Amino acid sequence: MDFVNPDAKFVDLAALSLSGSLVPSVPTQLMLKYNPPKLTIVYHFEQKQNQQFYHDIFIDKDMLAHKNTDEIVSHLYVTEAYYFNPKQIKRTQLIRLVNMMQ
């Protein structure tokens, strides 16, 4: 079963989870885009350090306008828990990036 589209380098997490093949991701880079607001995580899997993958997280403009930074960062840690391991991506780093978008 092929879970990775080799052209796009995006991973189908639902298929991996159902197969029992879900392994921790290791983030290597965070990229920021302002319009539309978006964080992109560049990561690899523990056993495949030579392959990079990308995960886009679009940030709602209304959330940026009406929520404080801590609320947004907490939301990201909950909704993107697979990618935002607090041991690997520090809260202070996310706070700084969200502040840049606000």
PDB file of N, CA and C in Angstrom:
ATOM      1  N   MET A   1       0.849  -1.177   0.000  1.00  0.00           N
ATOM      2  CA  MET A   1       0.000   0.000   0.000  1.00  0.00           C
ATOM      3  C   MET A   1       0.893   1.238   0.000  1.00  0.00           C
ATOM      4  N   ASP A   2       0.673   2.181  -0.902  1.00  0.00           N
ATOM      5  CA  ASP A   2       1.489   3.373  -1.017  1.00  0.00           C
ATOM      6  C   ASP A   2       0.773   4.541  -0.341  1.00  0.00           C
ATOM      7  N   PHE A   3       1.400   5.121   0.670  1.00  0.00           N
ATOM      8  CA  PHE A   3       0.787   6.199   1.431  1.00  0.00           C
ATOM      9  C   PHE A   3       1.299   7.566   1.017  1.00  0.00           C
ATOM     10  N   VAL A   4       2.348   7.631   0.277  1.00  0.00           N
ATOM     11  CA  VAL A   4       2.983   8.898  -0.045  1.00  0.00           C
ATOM     12  C   VAL A   4       2.900   9.144  -1.545  1.00  0.00           C
ATOM     13  N   ASN A   5       2.419  10.312  -1.904  1.00  0.00           N
ATOM     14  CA  ASN A   5       2.440  10.732  -3.292  1.00  0.00           C
ATOM     15  C   ASN A   5       3.847  11.256  -3.559  1.00  0.00           C
ATOM     16  N   PRO A   6       4.665  10.576  -4.346  1.00  0.00           N
ATOM     17  CA  PRO A   6       6.067  10.986  -4.514  1.00  0.00           C
ATOM     18  C   PRO A   6       6.224  12.339  -5.184  1.00  0.00           C
ATOM     19  N   ASP A   7       5.227  12.789  -5.914  1.00  0.00           N
ATOM     20  CA  ASP A   7       5.334  14.094  -6.561  1.00  0.00           C
ATOM     21  C   ASP A   7       5.081  15.227  -5.580  1.00  0.00           C
ATOM     22  N   ALA A   8       4.081  15.075  -4.719  1.00  0.00           N
ATOM     23  CA  ALA A   8       3.689  16.155  -3.816  1.00  0.00           C
ATOM     24  C   ALA A   8       4.417  16.100  -2.486  1.00  0.00           C
ATOM     25  N   LYS A   9       4.847  14.912  -2.094  1.00  0.00           N
ATOM     26  CA  LYS A   9       5.509  14.724  -0.805  1.00  0.00           C
ATOM     27  C   LYS A   9       4.612  15.121   0.360  1.00  0.00           C
ATOM     28  N   PHE A  10       3.329  14.810   0.252  1.00  0.00           N
ATOM     29  CA  PHE A  10       2.388  14.950   1.344  1.00  0.00           C
ATOM     30  C   PHE A  10       1.973  13.550   1.754  1.00  0.00           C
ATOM     31  N   VAL A  11       1.666  13.349   3.021  1.00  0.00           N
ATOM     32  CA  VAL A  11       1.382  12.029   3.552  1.00  0.00           C
ATOM     33  C   VAL A  11      -0.078  11.941   3.959  1.00  0.00           C
ATOM     34  N   ASP A  12      -0.721  10.818   3.662  1.00  0.00           N
ATOM     35  CA  ASP A  12      -2.096  10.561   4.075  1.00  0.00           C
ATOM     36  C   ASP A  12      -2.063   9.942   5.469  1.00  0.00           C
ATOM     37  N   LEU A  13      -2.219  10.786   6.506  1.00  0.00           N
ATOM     38  CA  LEU A  13      -2.120  10.313   7.882  1.00  0.00           C
ATOM     39  C   LEU A  13      -3.224   9.345   8.249  1.00  0.00           C
ATOM     40  N   ALA A  14      -4.421   9.537   7.704  1.00  0.00           N
ATOM     41  CA  ALA A  14      -5.527   8.628   8.010  1.00  0.00           C
ATOM     42  C   ALA A  14      -5.192   7.217   7.536  1.00  0.00           C
ATOM     43  N   ALA A  15      -4.663   7.093   6.340  1.00  0.00           N
ATOM     44  CA  ALA A  15      -4.301   5.773   5.818  1.00  0.00           C
ATOM     45  C   ALA A  15      -3.169   5.159   6.632  1.00  0.00           C
ATOM     46  N   LEU A  16      -2.188   5.963   7.018  1.00  0.00           N
ATOM     47  CA  LEU A  16      -1.095   5.445   7.833  1.00  0.00           C
ATOM     48  C   LEU A  16      -1.595   4.969   9.190  1.00  0.00           C
ATOM     49  N   SER A  17      -2.486   5.737   9.794  1.00  0.00           N
ATOM     50  CA  SER A  17      -3.013   5.383  11.103  1.00  0.00           C
ATOM     51  C   SER A  17      -3.794   4.078  11.052  1.00  0.00           C
ATOM     52  N   LEU A  18      -4.623   3.920  10.035  1.00  0.00           N
ATOM     53  CA  LEU A  18      -5.423   2.713   9.902  1.00  0.00           C
ATOM     54  C   LEU A  18      -4.550   1.482   9.650  1.00  0.00           C
ATOM     55  N   SER A  19      -3.416   1.680   9.011  1.00  0.00           N
ATOM     56  CA  SER A  19      -2.546   0.545   8.698  1.00  0.00           C
ATOM     57  C   SER A  19      -1.634   0.157   9.858  1.00  0.00           C
ATOM     58  N   GLY A  20      -1.581   1.023  10.882  1.00  0.00           N
ATOM     59  CA  GLY A  20      -0.669   0.763  11.991  1.00  0.00           C
ATOM     60  C   GLY A  20       0.745   1.213  11.701  1.00  0.00           C
ATOM     61  N   SER A  21       0.939   1.944  10.619  1.00  0.00           N
ATOM     62  CA  SER A  21       2.273   2.371  10.208  1.00  0.00           C
ATOM     63  C   SER A  21       2.611   3.794  10.635  1.00  0.00           C
ATOM     64  N   LEU A  22       1.788   4.379  11.477  1.00  0.00           N
ATOM     65  CA  LEU A  22       2.005   5.761  11.877  1.00  0.00           C
ATOM     66  C   LEU A  22       3.224   5.838  12.801  1.00  0.00           C
ATOM     67  N   VAL A  23       4.257   6.546  12.370  1.00  0.00           N
ATOM     68  CA  VAL A  23       5.464   6.725  13.168  1.00  0.00           C
ATOM     69  C   VAL A  23       5.654   8.216  13.403  1.00  0.00           C
ATOM     70  N   PRO A  24       6.364   8.566  14.478  1.00  0.00           N
ATOM     71  CA  PRO A  24       6.517   9.986  14.796  1.00  0.00           C
ATOM     72  C   PRO A  24       7.229  10.772  13.694  1.00  0.00           C
ATOM     73  N   SER A  25       6.752  12.001  13.511  1.00  0.00           N
ATOM     74  CA  SER A  25       7.416  12.894  12.568  1.00  0.00           C
ATOM     75  C   SER A  25       8.454  13.712  13.327  1.00  0.00           C
ATOM     76  N   VAL A  26       9.492  14.089  12.623  1.00  0.00           N
ATOM     77  CA  VAL A  26      10.560  14.895  13.203  1.00  0.00           C
ATOM     78  C   VAL A  26      10.640  16.187  12.394  1.00  0.00           C
ATOM     79  N   PRO A  27      10.172  17.309  12.965  1.00  0.00           N
ATOM     80  CA  PRO A  27      10.211  18.568  12.224  1.00  0.00           C
ATOM     81  C   PRO A  27      11.639  19.060  12.049  1.00  0.00           C
ATOM     82  N   THR A  28      11.921  19.578  10.865  1.00  0.00           N
ATOM     83  CA  THR A  28      13.259  20.113  10.598  1.00  0.00           C
ATOM     84  C   THR A  28      13.238  21.600  10.274  1.00  0.00           C
ATOM     85  N   GLN A  29      12.061  22.111   9.882  1.00  0.00           N
ATOM     86  CA  GLN A  29      11.976  23.519   9.509  1.00  0.00           C
ATOM     87  C   GLN A  29      10.524  23.972   9.593  1.00  0.00           C
ATOM     88  N   LEU A  30      10.314  25.225  10.009  1.00  0.00           N
ATOM     89  CA  LEU A  30       9.002  25.858   9.975  1.00  0.00           C
ATOM     90  C   LEU A  30       9.081  27.041   9.029  1.00  0.00           C
ATOM     91  N   MET A  31       8.128  27.117   8.113  1.00  0.00           N
ATOM     92  CA  MET A  31       8.092  28.223   7.168  1.00  0.00           C
ATOM     93  C   MET A  31       6.800  29.000   7.383  1.00  0.00           C
ATOM     94  N   LEU A  32       6.860  30.272   7.144  1.00  0.00           N
ATOM     95  CA  LEU A  32       5.752  31.167   7.411  1.00  0.00           C
ATOM     96  C   LEU A  32       5.345  31.890   6.136  1.00  0.00           C
ATOM     97  N   LYS A  33       4.037  31.993   5.923  1.00  0.00           N
ATOM     98  CA  LYS A  33       3.507  32.771   4.808  1.00  0.00           C
ATOM     99  C   LYS A  33       2.462  33.721   5.384  1.00  0.00           C
ATOM    100  N   TYR A  34       2.435  34.945   4.890  1.00  0.00           N
ATOM    101  CA  TYR A  34       1.560  35.959   5.468  1.00  0.00           C
ATOM    102  C   TYR A  34       0.201  36.065   4.798  1.00  0.00           C
ATOM    103  N   ASN A  35       0.145  35.875   3.485  1.00  0.00           N
ATOM    104  CA  ASN A  35      -1.125  36.067   2.796  1.00  0.00           C
ATOM    105  C   ASN A  35      -1.334  34.973   1.760  1.00  0.00           C
ATOM    106  N   PRO A  36      -2.195  34.018   2.023  1.00  0.00           N
ATOM    107  CA  PRO A  36      -2.961  33.825   3.261  1.00  0.00           C
ATOM    108  C   PRO A  36      -2.050  33.305   4.366  1.00  0.00           C
ATOM    109  N   PRO A  37      -2.412  33.564   5.633  1.00  0.00           N
ATOM    110  CA  PRO A  37      -1.564  33.127   6.736  1.00  0.00           C
ATOM    111  C   PRO A  37      -1.443  31.601   6.775  1.00  0.00           C
ATOM    112  N   LYS A  38      -0.199  31.145   6.796  1.00  0.00           N
ATOM    113  CA  LYS A  38       0.028  29.701   6.729  1.00  0.00           C
ATOM    114  C   LYS A  38       1.375  29.363   7.350  1.00  0.00           C
ATOM    115  N   LEU A  39       1.409  28.251   8.088  1.00  0.00           N
ATOM    116  CA  LEU A  39       2.649  27.655   8.555  1.00  0.00           C
ATOM    117  C   LEU A  39       2.866  26.379   7.750  1.00  0.00           C
ATOM    118  N   THR A  40       4.062  26.149   7.319  1.00  0.00           N
ATOM    119  CA  THR A  40       4.402  24.889   6.657  1.00  0.00           C
ATOM    120  C   THR A  40       5.500  24.234   7.475  1.00  0.00           C
ATOM    121  N   ILE A  41       5.267  22.983   7.834  1.00  0.00           N
ATOM    122  CA  ILE A  41       6.261  22.216   8.575  1.00  0.00           C
ATOM    123  C   ILE A  41       6.966  21.288   7.603  1.00  0.00           C
ATOM    124  N   VAL A  42       8.280  21.372   7.576  1.00  0.00           N
ATOM    125  CA  VAL A  42       9.094  20.435   6.817  1.00  0.00           C
ATOM    126  C   VAL A  42       9.553  19.390   7.835  1.00  0.00           C
ATOM    127  N   TYR A  43       9.321  18.120   7.523  1.00  0.00           N
ATOM    128  CA  TYR A  43       9.634  17.075   8.487  1.00  0.00           C
ATOM    129  C   TYR A  43      10.065  15.797   7.777  1.00  0.00           C
ATOM    130  N   HIS A  44      10.555  14.855   8.551  1.00  0.00           N
ATOM    131  CA  HIS A  44      10.842  13.511   8.062  1.00  0.00           C
ATOM    132  C   HIS A  44      10.375  12.533   9.123  1.00  0.00           C
ATOM    133  N   PHE A  45      10.297  11.271   8.772  1.00  0.00           N
ATOM    134  CA  PHE A  45       9.942  10.239   9.733  1.00  0.00           C
ATOM    135  C   PHE A  45      11.214   9.718  10.382  1.00  0.00           C
ATOM    136  N   GLU A  46      11.088   9.196  11.594  1.00  0.00           N
ATOM    137  CA  GLU A  46      12.266   8.752  12.342  1.00  0.00           C
ATOM    138  C   GLU A  46      13.126   7.763  11.558  1.00  0.00           C
ATOM    139  N   GLN A  47      12.492   6.826  10.861  1.00  0.00           N
ATOM    140  CA  GLN A  47      13.260   5.814  10.142  1.00  0.00           C
ATOM    141  C   GLN A  47      13.678   6.249   8.738  1.00  0.00           C
ATOM    142  N   LYS A  48      13.193   7.386   8.272  1.00  0.00           N
ATOM    143  CA  LYS A  48      13.494   7.821   6.898  1.00  0.00           C
ATOM    144  C   LYS A  48      14.003   9.260   6.913  1.00  0.00           C
ATOM    145  N   GLN A  49      15.167   9.446   7.448  1.00  0.00           N
ATOM    146  CA  GLN A  49      15.702  10.792   7.601  1.00  0.00           C
ATOM    147  C   GLN A  49      16.081  11.438   6.278  1.00  0.00           C
ATOM    148  N   ASN A  50      16.244  10.658   5.230  1.00  0.00           N
ATOM    149  CA  ASN A  50      16.654  11.222   3.941  1.00  0.00           C
ATOM    150  C   ASN A  50      15.473  11.677   3.090  1.00  0.00           C
ATOM    151  N   GLN A  51      14.234  11.482   3.548  1.00  0.00           N
ATOM    152  CA  GLN A  51      13.050  11.931   2.805  1.00  0.00           C
ATOM    153  C   GLN A  51      12.367  13.055   3.568  1.00  0.00           C
ATOM    154  N   GLN A  52      12.108  14.171   2.887  1.00  0.00           N
ATOM    155  CA  GLN A  52      11.418  15.295   3.520  1.00  0.00           C
ATOM    156  C   GLN A  52       9.980  15.358   3.037  1.00  0.00           C
ATOM    157  N   PHE A  53       9.112  15.764   3.955  1.00  0.00           N
ATOM    158  CA  PHE A  53       7.698  15.929   3.651  1.00  0.00           C
ATOM    159  C   PHE A  53       7.260  17.299   4.145  1.00  0.00           C
ATOM    160  N   TYR A  54       6.100  17.751   3.655  1.00  0.00           N
ATOM    161  CA  TYR A  54       5.583  19.076   3.981  1.00  0.00           C
ATOM    162  C   TYR A  54       4.158  18.960   4.493  1.00  0.00           C
ATOM    163  N   HIS A  55       3.849  19.772   5.513  1.00  0.00           N
ATOM    164  CA  HIS A  55       2.486  19.824   6.033  1.00  0.00           C
ATOM    165  C   HIS A  55       2.087  21.285   6.156  1.00  0.00           C
ATOM    166  N   ASP A  56       1.054  21.684   5.420  1.00  0.00           N
ATOM    167  CA  ASP A  56       0.558  23.062   5.446  1.00  0.00           C
ATOM    168  C   ASP A  56      -0.526  23.207   6.504  1.00  0.00           C
ATOM    169  N   ILE A  57      -0.439  24.293   7.268  1.00  0.00           N
ATOM    170  CA  ILE A  57      -1.453  24.616   8.265  1.00  0.00           C
ATOM    171  C   ILE A  57      -1.922  26.037   7.980  1.00  0.00           C
ATOM    172  N   PHE A  58      -3.127  26.142   7.454  1.00  0.00           N
ATOM    173  CA  PHE A  58      -3.680  27.458   7.170  1.00  0.00           C
ATOM    174  C   PHE A  58      -4.270  28.028   8.457  1.00  0.00           C
ATOM    175  N   ILE A  59      -3.949  29.281   8.735  1.00  0.00           N
ATOM    176  CA  ILE A  59      -4.415  29.948   9.949  1.00  0.00           C
ATOM    177  C   ILE A  59      -5.536  30.903   9.560  1.00  0.00           C
ATOM    178  N   ASP A  60      -6.677  30.739  10.210  1.00  0.00           N
ATOM    179  CA  ASP A  60      -7.843  31.561   9.920  1.00  0.00           C
ATOM    180  C   ASP A  60      -7.562  33.031  10.255  1.00  0.00           C
ATOM    181  N   LYS A  61      -7.842  33.924   9.309  1.00  0.00           N
ATOM    182  CA  LYS A  61      -7.588  35.353   9.522  1.00  0.00           C
ATOM    183  C   LYS A  61      -8.412  35.910  10.673  1.00  0.00           C
ATOM    184  N   ASP A  62      -9.657  35.430  10.831  1.00  0.00           N
ATOM    185  CA  ASP A  62     -10.492  35.884  11.945  1.00  0.00           C
ATOM    186  C   ASP A  62      -9.901  35.465  13.283  1.00  0.00           C
ATOM    187  N   MET A  63      -9.338  34.267  13.330  1.00  0.00           N
ATOM    188  CA  MET A  63      -8.702  33.808  14.567  1.00  0.00           C
ATOM    189  C   MET A  63      -7.508  34.703  14.904  1.00  0.00           C
ATOM    190  N   LEU A  64      -6.732  35.044  13.896  1.00  0.00           N
ATOM    191  CA  LEU A  64      -5.588  35.931  14.125  1.00  0.00           C
ATOM    192  C   LEU A  64      -6.023  37.298  14.621  1.00  0.00           C
ATOM    193  N   ALA A  65      -7.175  37.765  14.125  1.00  0.00           N
ATOM    194  CA  ALA A  65      -7.654  39.098  14.489  1.00  0.00           C
ATOM    195  C   ALA A  65      -8.326  39.143  15.863  1.00  0.00           C
ATOM    196  N   HIS A  66      -8.962  38.038  16.265  1.00  0.00           N
ATOM    197  CA  HIS A  66      -9.791  38.085  17.468  1.00  0.00           C
ATOM    198  C   HIS A  66      -9.294  37.261  18.650  1.00  0.00           C
ATOM    199  N   LYS A  67      -8.338  36.386  18.441  1.00  0.00           N
ATOM    200  CA  LYS A  67      -7.799  35.563  19.541  1.00  0.00           C
ATOM    201  C   LYS A  67      -6.418  36.080  19.918  1.00  0.00           C
ATOM    202  N   ASN A  68      -6.060  35.849  21.172  1.00  0.00           N
ATOM    203  CA  ASN A  68      -4.706  36.249  21.552  1.00  0.00           C
ATOM    204  C   ASN A  68      -3.718  35.153  21.140  1.00  0.00           C
ATOM    205  N   THR A  69      -2.466  35.493  21.175  1.00  0.00           N
ATOM    206  CA  THR A  69      -1.412  34.601  20.686  1.00  0.00           C
ATOM    207  C   THR A  69      -1.414  33.262  21.417  1.00  0.00           C
ATOM    208  N   ASP A  70      -1.554  33.292  22.739  1.00  0.00           N
ATOM    209  CA  ASP A  70      -1.546  32.045  23.512  1.00  0.00           C
ATOM    210  C   ASP A  70      -2.689  31.124  23.122  1.00  0.00           C
ATOM    211  N   GLU A  71      -3.866  31.685  22.853  1.00  0.00           N
ATOM    212  CA  GLU A  71      -5.007  30.871  22.438  1.00  0.00           C
ATOM    213  C   GLU A  71      -4.744  30.202  21.086  1.00  0.00           C
ATOM    214  N   ILE A  72      -4.164  30.941  20.173  1.00  0.00           N
ATOM    215  CA  ILE A  72      -3.867  30.392  18.840  1.00  0.00           C
ATOM    216  C   ILE A  72      -2.820  29.281  18.948  1.00  0.00           C
ATOM    217  N   VAL A  73      -1.779  29.515  19.712  1.00  0.00           N
ATOM    218  CA  VAL A  73      -0.725  28.513  19.871  1.00  0.00           C
ATOM    219  C   VAL A  73      -1.283  27.254  20.537  1.00  0.00           C
ATOM    220  N   SER A  74      -2.112  27.418  21.556  1.00  0.00           N
ATOM    221  CA  SER A  74      -2.741  26.258  22.206  1.00  0.00           C
ATOM    222  C   SER A  74      -3.606  25.493  21.213  1.00  0.00           C
ATOM    223  N   HIS A  75      -4.335  26.225  20.395  1.00  0.00           N
ATOM    224  CA  HIS A  75      -5.167  25.597  19.359  1.00  0.00           C
ATOM    225  C   HIS A  75      -4.306  24.772  18.400  1.00  0.00           C
ATOM    226  N   LEU A  76      -3.177  25.320  17.999  1.00  0.00           N
ATOM    227  CA  LEU A  76      -2.277  24.606  17.087  1.00  0.00           C
ATOM    228  C   LEU A  76      -1.726  23.333  17.727  1.00  0.00           C
ATOM    229  N   TYR A  77      -1.353  23.418  18.991  1.00  0.00           N
ATOM    230  CA  TYR A  77      -0.833  22.228  19.669  1.00  0.00           C
ATOM    231  C   TYR A  77      -1.891  21.128  19.766  1.00  0.00           C
ATOM    232  N   VAL A  78      -3.158  21.504  19.903  1.00  0.00           N
ATOM    233  CA  VAL A  78      -4.227  20.505  20.008  1.00  0.00           C
ATOM    234  C   VAL A  78      -4.593  19.952  18.628  1.00  0.00           C
ATOM    235  N   THR A  79      -4.837  20.832  17.666  1.00  0.00           N
ATOM    236  CA  THR A  79      -5.315  20.383  16.355  1.00  0.00           C
ATOM    237  C   THR A  79      -4.219  19.772  15.492  1.00  0.00           C
ATOM    238  N   GLU A  80      -2.976  20.125  15.752  1.00  0.00           N
ATOM    239  CA  GLU A  80      -1.852  19.617  14.960  1.00  0.00           C
ATOM    240  C   GLU A  80      -0.874  18.850  15.842  1.00  0.00           C
ATOM    241  N   ALA A  81      -1.422  18.072  16.776  1.00  0.00           N
ATOM    242  CA  ALA A  81      -0.599  17.387  17.778  1.00  0.00           C
ATOM    243  C   ALA A  81       0.428  16.450  17.145  1.00  0.00           C
ATOM    244  N   TYR A  82       0.098  15.845  16.027  1.00  0.00           N
ATOM    245  CA  TYR A  82       1.039  14.928  15.379  1.00  0.00           C
ATOM    246  C   TYR A  82       2.316  15.657  14.963  1.00  0.00           C
ATOM    247  N   TYR A  83       2.183  16.898  14.537  1.00  0.00           N
ATOM    248  CA  TYR A  83       3.329  17.662  14.041  1.00  0.00           C
ATOM    249  C   TYR A  83       3.962  18.546  15.106  1.00  0.00           C
ATOM    250  N   PHE A  84       3.155  19.048  16.039  1.00  0.00           N
ATOM    251  CA  PHE A  84       3.651  19.976  17.051  1.00  0.00           C
ATOM    252  C   PHE A  84       3.943  19.259  18.360  1.00  0.00           C
ATOM    253  N   ASN A  85       4.990  18.487  18.364  1.00  0.00           N
ATOM    254  CA  ASN A  85       5.455  17.860  19.589  1.00  0.00           C
ATOM    255  C   ASN A  85       6.174  18.943  20.388  1.00  0.00           C
ATOM    256  N   PRO A  86       5.691  19.253  21.611  1.00  0.00           N
ATOM    257  CA  PRO A  86       6.315  20.338  22.385  1.00  0.00           C
ATOM    258  C   PRO A  86       7.781  20.094  22.734  1.00  0.00           C
ATOM    259  N   LYS A  87       8.235  18.858  22.651  1.00  0.00           N
ATOM    260  CA  LYS A  87       9.649  18.579  22.893  1.00  0.00           C
ATOM    261  C   LYS A  87      10.503  18.968  21.689  1.00  0.00           C
ATOM    262  N   GLN A  88       9.870  19.060  20.523  1.00  0.00           N
ATOM    263  CA  GLN A  88      10.618  19.375  19.303  1.00  0.00           C
ATOM    264  C   GLN A  88      10.346  20.781  18.789  1.00  0.00           C
ATOM    265  N   ILE A  89       9.132  21.257  18.967  1.00  0.00           N
ATOM    266  CA  ILE A  89       8.791  22.626  18.569  1.00  0.00           C
ATOM    267  C   ILE A  89       8.368  23.364  19.835  1.00  0.00           C
ATOM    268  N   LYS A  90       9.219  24.243  20.274  1.00  0.00           N
ATOM    269  CA  LYS A  90       8.999  24.960  21.530  1.00  0.00           C
ATOM    270  C   LYS A  90       7.858  25.969  21.402  1.00  0.00           C
ATOM    271  N   ARG A  91       7.131  26.120  22.487  1.00  0.00           N
ATOM    272  CA  ARG A  91       6.008  27.059  22.527  1.00  0.00           C
ATOM    273  C   ARG A  91       6.475  28.485  22.213  1.00  0.00           C
ATOM    274  N   THR A  92       7.630  28.873  22.717  1.00  0.00           N
ATOM    275  CA  THR A  92       8.137  30.228  22.459  1.00  0.00           C
ATOM    276  C   THR A  92       8.363  30.459  20.966  1.00  0.00           C
ATOM    277  N   GLN A  93       8.780  29.423  20.256  1.00  0.00           N
ATOM    278  CA  GLN A  93       8.990  29.546  18.808  1.00  0.00           C
ATOM    279  C   GLN A  93       7.654  29.769  18.098  1.00  0.00           C
ATOM    280  N   LEU A  94       6.624  29.000  18.476  1.00  0.00           N
ATOM    281  CA  LEU A  94       5.308  29.183  17.864  1.00  0.00           C
ATOM    282  C   LEU A  94       4.717  30.545  18.217  1.00  0.00           C
ATOM    283  N   ILE A  95       4.907  30.982  19.450  1.00  0.00           N
ATOM    284  CA  ILE A  95       4.403  32.302  19.846  1.00  0.00           C
ATOM    285  C   ILE A  95       5.030  33.387  18.987  1.00  0.00           C
ATOM    286  N   ARG A  96       6.326  33.287  18.767  1.00  0.00           N
ATOM    287  CA  ARG A  96       7.017  34.277  17.920  1.00  0.00           C
ATOM    288  C   ARG A  96       6.473  34.267  16.487  1.00  0.00           C
ATOM    289  N   LEU A  97       6.248  33.084  15.923  1.00  0.00           N
ATOM    290  CA  LEU A  97       5.738  32.994  14.557  1.00  0.00           C
ATOM    291  C   LEU A  97       4.303  33.515  14.451  1.00  0.00           C
ATOM    292  N   VAL A  98       3.462  33.165  15.414  1.00  0.00           N
ATOM    293  CA  VAL A  98       2.080  33.670  15.395  1.00  0.00           C
ATOM    294  C   VAL A  98       2.066  35.184  15.561  1.00  0.00           C
ATOM    295  N   ASN A  99       2.911  35.713  16.430  1.00  0.00           N
ATOM    296  CA  ASN A  99       3.022  37.175  16.583  1.00  0.00           C
ATOM    297  C   ASN A  99       3.401  37.839  15.262  1.00  0.00           C
ATOM    298  N   MET A 100       4.261  37.198  14.518  1.00  0.00           N
ATOM    299  CA  MET A 100       4.666  37.759  13.209  1.00  0.00           C
ATOM    300  C   MET A 100       3.478  37.811  12.245  1.00  0.00           C
ATOM    301  N   MET A 101       2.573  36.834  12.339  1.00  0.00           N
ATOM    302  CA  MET A 101       1.407  36.814  11.459  1.00  0.00           C
ATOM    303  C   MET A 101       0.333  37.808  11.885  1.00  0.00           C
ATOM    304  N   GLN A 102       0.271  38.091  13.184  1.00  0.00           N
ATOM    305  CA  GLN A 102      -0.744  39.016  13.673  1.00  0.00           C
ATOM    306  C   GLN A 102      -0.304  40.418  13.354  1.00  0.00           C
TER     307      GLN A 102
END
